[in-house]
N, C-alpha and C. Protein backbone atom coordinates (compact mmCIF):
# COMPACT_ATOMS: atom_id res chain seq x y z
N MET A 1 131.52 67.48 107.04
CA MET A 1 131.06 67.68 105.75
C MET A 1 131.90 68.40 104.96
N SER A 2 131.68 68.45 103.68
CA SER A 2 132.66 69.17 102.86
C SER A 2 132.13 70.54 102.61
N LYS A 3 133.09 71.33 102.35
CA LYS A 3 132.74 72.90 102.21
C LYS A 3 131.72 73.10 100.98
N ARG A 4 131.79 72.23 100.09
CA ARG A 4 130.97 72.39 98.92
C ARG A 4 129.48 72.04 99.37
N LEU A 5 129.29 71.17 100.24
CA LEU A 5 128.11 70.67 100.65
C LEU A 5 127.36 71.63 101.55
N ILE A 6 128.28 72.36 102.48
CA ILE A 6 127.85 73.30 103.26
C ILE A 6 127.37 74.66 102.50
N ASN A 7 128.15 75.00 101.61
CA ASN A 7 127.65 76.05 100.73
C ASN A 7 126.56 75.94 100.03
N SER A 8 126.38 74.62 99.46
CA SER A 8 125.08 74.22 98.91
C SER A 8 123.95 74.23 99.76
N ILE A 9 123.95 73.94 101.00
CA ILE A 9 122.93 73.94 101.92
C ILE A 9 122.56 75.35 102.27
N LYS A 10 123.65 76.26 102.39
CA LYS A 10 123.43 77.66 102.64
C LYS A 10 122.63 78.35 101.56
N ALA A 11 123.06 78.02 100.28
CA ALA A 11 122.24 78.61 99.17
C ALA A 11 120.99 78.20 99.13
N ILE A 12 120.54 76.95 99.53
CA ILE A 12 119.18 76.39 99.47
C ILE A 12 118.35 77.20 100.58
N ALA A 13 119.06 77.32 101.76
CA ALA A 13 118.46 77.95 102.92
C ALA A 13 118.15 79.41 102.57
N ALA A 14 119.04 80.07 101.92
CA ALA A 14 118.92 81.36 101.47
C ALA A 14 117.64 81.59 100.52
N LEU A 15 117.50 80.65 99.56
CA LEU A 15 116.30 80.61 98.69
C LEU A 15 114.94 80.43 99.37
N ILE A 16 114.98 79.46 100.51
CA ILE A 16 113.76 79.15 101.07
C ILE A 16 113.38 80.63 101.75
N VAL A 17 114.38 81.21 102.20
CA VAL A 17 114.03 82.36 103.01
C VAL A 17 113.64 83.72 102.00
N LEU A 18 114.44 83.84 101.02
CA LEU A 18 114.22 84.89 100.20
C LEU A 18 112.93 84.92 99.15
N LEU A 19 112.76 83.60 98.74
CA LEU A 19 111.48 83.68 97.88
C LEU A 19 110.18 83.90 98.31
N PRO A 20 109.81 83.57 99.64
CA PRO A 20 108.63 83.99 100.24
C PRO A 20 108.79 85.59 100.49
N LEU A 21 109.78 86.04 100.77
CA LEU A 21 110.08 87.48 101.05
C LEU A 21 109.84 88.20 99.73
N LEU A 22 110.19 87.76 98.86
CA LEU A 22 110.10 88.44 97.44
C LEU A 22 108.73 88.51 97.04
N VAL A 23 107.84 87.45 97.51
CA VAL A 23 106.23 87.37 97.22
C VAL A 23 105.61 88.37 98.17
N VAL A 24 106.15 88.53 99.28
CA VAL A 24 105.54 89.38 100.32
C VAL A 24 105.63 90.99 99.85
N VAL A 25 106.99 91.20 99.49
CA VAL A 25 107.38 92.62 99.16
C VAL A 25 106.67 92.91 97.79
N LEU A 26 106.89 92.08 96.80
CA LEU A 26 106.30 92.58 95.50
C LEU A 26 104.83 92.12 95.01
N GLY A 27 104.47 91.02 95.76
CA GLY A 27 103.10 90.60 95.42
C GLY A 27 103.30 89.44 94.50
N ARG A 28 102.20 88.60 94.52
CA ARG A 28 102.31 87.43 93.61
C ARG A 28 102.47 87.58 92.34
N GLU A 29 101.72 88.40 91.44
CA GLU A 29 101.96 88.65 90.18
C GLU A 29 103.13 89.24 89.60
N LYS A 30 103.64 90.26 90.41
CA LYS A 30 104.92 90.87 90.14
C LYS A 30 106.00 89.71 90.30
N SER A 31 106.03 88.94 91.36
CA SER A 31 106.97 87.99 91.72
C SER A 31 107.26 86.91 90.46
N LEU A 32 106.01 86.63 90.01
CA LEU A 32 105.87 85.61 88.79
C LEU A 32 106.59 86.32 87.70
N GLU A 33 106.25 87.51 87.38
CA GLU A 33 106.79 88.36 86.32
C GLU A 33 108.25 88.32 86.32
N VAL A 34 109.04 88.64 87.72
CA VAL A 34 110.27 88.69 88.01
C VAL A 34 110.96 87.33 87.64
N VAL A 35 110.38 86.24 88.05
CA VAL A 35 110.88 85.03 87.84
C VAL A 35 110.69 84.38 86.37
N PHE A 36 109.63 84.60 85.89
CA PHE A 36 109.33 84.04 84.51
C PHE A 36 109.57 85.06 83.43
N GLY A 37 109.37 86.28 83.55
CA GLY A 37 109.32 87.25 82.58
C GLY A 37 107.91 87.72 82.42
N ALA A 38 107.87 88.99 81.62
CA ALA A 38 106.43 89.51 81.36
C ALA A 38 105.61 88.67 80.45
N ILE A 39 104.44 88.57 80.71
CA ILE A 39 103.32 87.85 79.79
C ILE A 39 102.95 88.75 78.74
N LYS A 40 102.97 88.21 77.54
CA LYS A 40 102.34 88.87 76.48
C LYS A 40 101.10 88.02 75.97
N ILE A 41 100.01 88.63 76.17
CA ILE A 41 98.71 88.03 75.74
C ILE A 41 98.36 88.55 74.29
N THR A 42 98.39 87.62 73.20
CA THR A 42 98.08 88.11 72.04
C THR A 42 96.98 87.26 71.45
N PRO A 43 96.00 87.84 70.71
CA PRO A 43 94.95 87.11 70.06
C PRO A 43 95.26 86.03 69.19
N VAL A 44 94.48 84.97 68.97
CA VAL A 44 94.73 83.88 68.25
C VAL A 44 93.80 83.91 66.94
N ASP A 45 94.37 83.82 65.82
CA ASP A 45 93.55 83.69 64.51
C ASP A 45 93.47 82.40 64.20
N PHE A 46 92.40 81.66 64.49
CA PHE A 46 92.13 80.13 64.28
C PHE A 46 92.30 79.86 62.94
N ALA A 47 91.77 80.74 61.99
CA ALA A 47 91.69 80.53 60.65
C ALA A 47 93.10 80.40 60.05
N THR A 48 94.12 80.76 60.66
CA THR A 48 95.47 80.66 60.06
C THR A 48 96.42 79.92 61.10
N LEU A 49 95.87 79.52 62.15
CA LEU A 49 96.58 78.91 63.17
C LEU A 49 97.32 77.42 62.66
N GLU A 50 98.57 77.39 62.98
CA GLU A 50 99.47 76.19 62.55
C GLU A 50 99.97 75.76 63.82
N LEU A 51 99.75 74.30 64.04
CA LEU A 51 100.36 73.72 65.26
C LEU A 51 101.89 73.45 64.98
N SER A 52 102.55 73.60 66.11
CA SER A 52 104.11 73.35 66.04
C SER A 52 104.36 71.76 66.15
N PRO A 53 105.43 71.36 65.91
CA PRO A 53 105.74 69.98 66.03
C PRO A 53 105.94 69.35 67.32
N LYS A 54 105.83 70.38 68.36
CA LYS A 54 105.84 69.85 69.76
C LYS A 54 104.78 69.08 70.14
N PRO A 55 104.89 68.09 71.06
CA PRO A 55 103.82 67.22 71.49
C PRO A 55 102.94 67.88 72.61
N ASN A 56 103.43 69.02 73.18
CA ASN A 56 102.61 69.49 74.32
C ASN A 56 101.57 70.65 73.98
N GLN A 57 100.76 70.15 73.02
CA GLN A 57 99.66 70.94 72.64
C GLN A 57 98.36 70.21 72.27
N PHE A 58 97.11 70.59 72.47
CA PHE A 58 96.01 69.89 72.20
C PHE A 58 94.99 70.86 71.64
N LEU A 59 94.69 70.87 70.43
CA LEU A 59 93.69 71.83 69.84
C LEU A 59 92.29 71.35 69.67
N VAL A 60 91.30 71.90 70.16
CA VAL A 60 89.85 71.61 70.01
C VAL A 60 89.20 72.65 69.32
N CYS A 61 88.54 72.33 68.29
CA CYS A 61 87.78 73.44 67.38
C CYS A 61 86.33 72.69 66.80
N PRO A 62 85.55 73.59 66.48
CA PRO A 62 84.45 73.04 66.03
C PRO A 62 84.73 72.76 64.44
N PRO A 63 83.94 71.88 63.90
CA PRO A 63 84.19 71.52 62.53
C PRO A 63 84.29 72.57 61.60
N GLY A 64 85.33 72.64 60.83
CA GLY A 64 85.63 73.84 59.77
C GLY A 64 85.94 75.23 60.41
N TYR A 65 86.31 75.21 61.47
CA TYR A 65 86.85 76.47 62.14
C TYR A 65 88.12 76.98 62.18
N CYS A 66 88.96 75.85 62.34
CA CYS A 66 90.59 75.88 62.37
C CYS A 66 91.24 75.40 61.12
N ALA A 67 92.15 76.09 60.90
CA ALA A 67 93.08 75.76 59.62
C ALA A 67 93.73 74.65 60.01
N ALA A 68 94.23 74.42 61.08
CA ALA A 68 95.06 73.29 61.59
C ALA A 68 93.98 72.04 61.83
N LYS A 69 94.59 70.81 61.82
CA LYS A 69 93.68 69.67 62.20
C LYS A 69 93.45 69.58 63.66
N PRO A 70 92.29 69.66 64.22
CA PRO A 70 92.17 69.70 65.65
C PRO A 70 92.42 68.26 66.21
N HIS A 71 92.82 68.15 67.28
CA HIS A 71 92.93 66.80 67.96
C HIS A 71 91.54 66.26 68.34
N MET A 72 90.66 67.05 68.59
CA MET A 72 89.26 66.81 68.96
C MET A 72 88.36 67.86 68.46
N LEU A 73 87.15 67.46 68.01
CA LEU A 73 86.04 68.35 67.62
C LEU A 73 85.42 68.77 68.88
N SER A 74 85.05 70.18 68.97
CA SER A 74 84.30 70.83 70.11
C SER A 74 82.87 70.53 69.84
N PRO A 75 82.21 70.37 71.08
CA PRO A 75 80.80 70.29 70.99
C PRO A 75 80.04 71.70 70.59
N THR A 76 78.96 71.69 70.08
CA THR A 76 78.16 72.87 69.63
C THR A 76 77.03 72.98 70.72
N PHE A 77 76.63 74.27 71.18
CA PHE A 77 75.66 74.41 72.08
C PHE A 77 74.56 75.27 71.48
N LYS A 78 73.35 74.89 72.00
CA LYS A 78 72.24 75.89 71.59
C LYS A 78 72.11 77.09 72.38
N GLY A 79 71.75 78.23 71.73
CA GLY A 79 71.58 79.36 72.44
C GLY A 79 72.84 80.27 72.08
N SER A 80 72.75 81.71 72.58
CA SER A 80 73.77 82.56 72.20
C SER A 80 75.00 82.36 72.93
N ALA A 81 76.04 83.07 72.72
CA ALA A 81 77.28 83.12 73.40
C ALA A 81 76.92 83.83 74.85
N ASP A 82 76.08 84.64 74.86
CA ASP A 82 75.84 85.41 76.16
C ASP A 82 75.02 84.29 77.18
N ASP A 83 74.13 83.60 76.45
CA ASP A 83 73.38 82.69 77.29
C ASP A 83 74.43 81.52 77.86
N LEU A 84 75.37 81.08 77.03
CA LEU A 84 76.49 80.18 77.44
C LEU A 84 77.39 80.64 78.51
N ARG A 85 77.58 81.81 78.38
CA ARG A 85 78.47 82.61 79.45
C ARG A 85 77.60 82.49 80.74
N GLN A 86 76.44 83.09 80.78
CA GLN A 86 75.51 83.13 81.94
C GLN A 86 75.48 81.80 82.65
N ARG A 87 75.25 80.75 81.84
CA ARG A 87 75.36 79.44 82.28
C ARG A 87 76.54 78.98 82.83
N TRP A 88 77.60 79.43 82.33
CA TRP A 88 79.13 79.06 82.72
C TRP A 88 79.34 79.75 83.96
N MET A 89 78.86 81.02 84.09
CA MET A 89 79.32 81.81 85.29
C MET A 89 78.26 81.19 86.50
N LYS A 90 77.12 80.77 86.27
CA LYS A 90 76.18 80.21 87.31
C LYS A 90 76.88 78.93 87.81
N MET A 91 77.41 78.08 86.94
CA MET A 91 78.01 76.91 87.44
C MET A 91 79.29 77.23 88.20
N LEU A 92 80.15 78.32 87.81
CA LEU A 92 81.33 78.53 88.61
C LEU A 92 80.98 79.02 90.00
N ALA A 93 79.75 79.95 89.97
CA ALA A 93 79.16 80.45 91.35
C ALA A 93 78.98 79.29 92.18
N ALA A 94 78.55 78.24 91.72
CA ALA A 94 78.18 77.21 92.62
C ALA A 94 79.39 76.30 93.02
N GLN A 95 80.53 76.54 92.66
CA GLN A 95 81.77 75.76 93.02
C GLN A 95 82.25 76.51 94.35
N PRO A 96 82.65 75.70 95.36
CA PRO A 96 83.06 76.27 96.52
C PRO A 96 84.47 76.82 96.62
N ARG A 97 85.22 76.46 95.70
CA ARG A 97 86.56 76.97 95.53
C ARG A 97 86.98 78.05 94.66
N ILE A 98 85.99 78.43 94.05
CA ILE A 98 86.05 79.49 92.93
C ILE A 98 85.63 81.04 93.59
N ARG A 99 86.44 81.82 93.30
CA ARG A 99 86.42 83.22 93.99
C ARG A 99 85.33 83.99 93.13
N ALA A 100 84.64 84.86 93.83
CA ALA A 100 83.62 85.72 93.24
C ALA A 100 84.21 86.68 92.18
N TRP A 101 85.50 87.07 92.21
CA TRP A 101 86.10 88.03 91.31
C TRP A 101 86.06 87.61 89.89
N LEU A 102 85.86 86.27 89.76
CA LEU A 102 85.64 85.88 88.40
C LEU A 102 84.48 86.40 87.51
N ALA A 103 83.55 86.73 88.29
CA ALA A 103 82.30 87.35 87.72
C ALA A 103 82.47 88.57 87.12
N ALA A 104 83.62 89.39 87.66
CA ALA A 104 83.97 90.63 87.31
C ALA A 104 84.82 90.83 85.98
N LEU A 105 85.21 89.77 85.45
CA LEU A 105 86.09 89.83 84.34
C LEU A 105 85.30 90.37 83.19
N PRO A 106 85.96 91.16 82.28
CA PRO A 106 85.21 91.79 81.31
C PRO A 106 84.79 90.72 80.34
N GLN A 107 83.36 91.06 79.62
CA GLN A 107 82.81 90.29 78.70
C GLN A 107 83.55 90.57 77.43
N PRO A 108 83.68 89.42 76.45
CA PRO A 108 84.39 89.72 75.21
C PRO A 108 83.41 90.33 74.24
């Protein structure tokens, strides 16, 4: 085997060992931040939202809610936002692979 191939195999093996170690030492969230950078969560003002020319987006809004033309109109639901949230949380609780910590998320 060539020296270049051997060095490539060694580098891949090192990554296979070091990446899980990084997750164990730093934790999952911090490891993702190290790899991909810090996450900035910013509010979206749908009244002034403009879509970019990139194809990897899909906007869904109720009629007349967004400045940009939505790809699909969203349905409207009867009842208050709190009623809808309670129905949503009840549906999530019935799912076997959803963890209970979702119920502890702050209400908007």
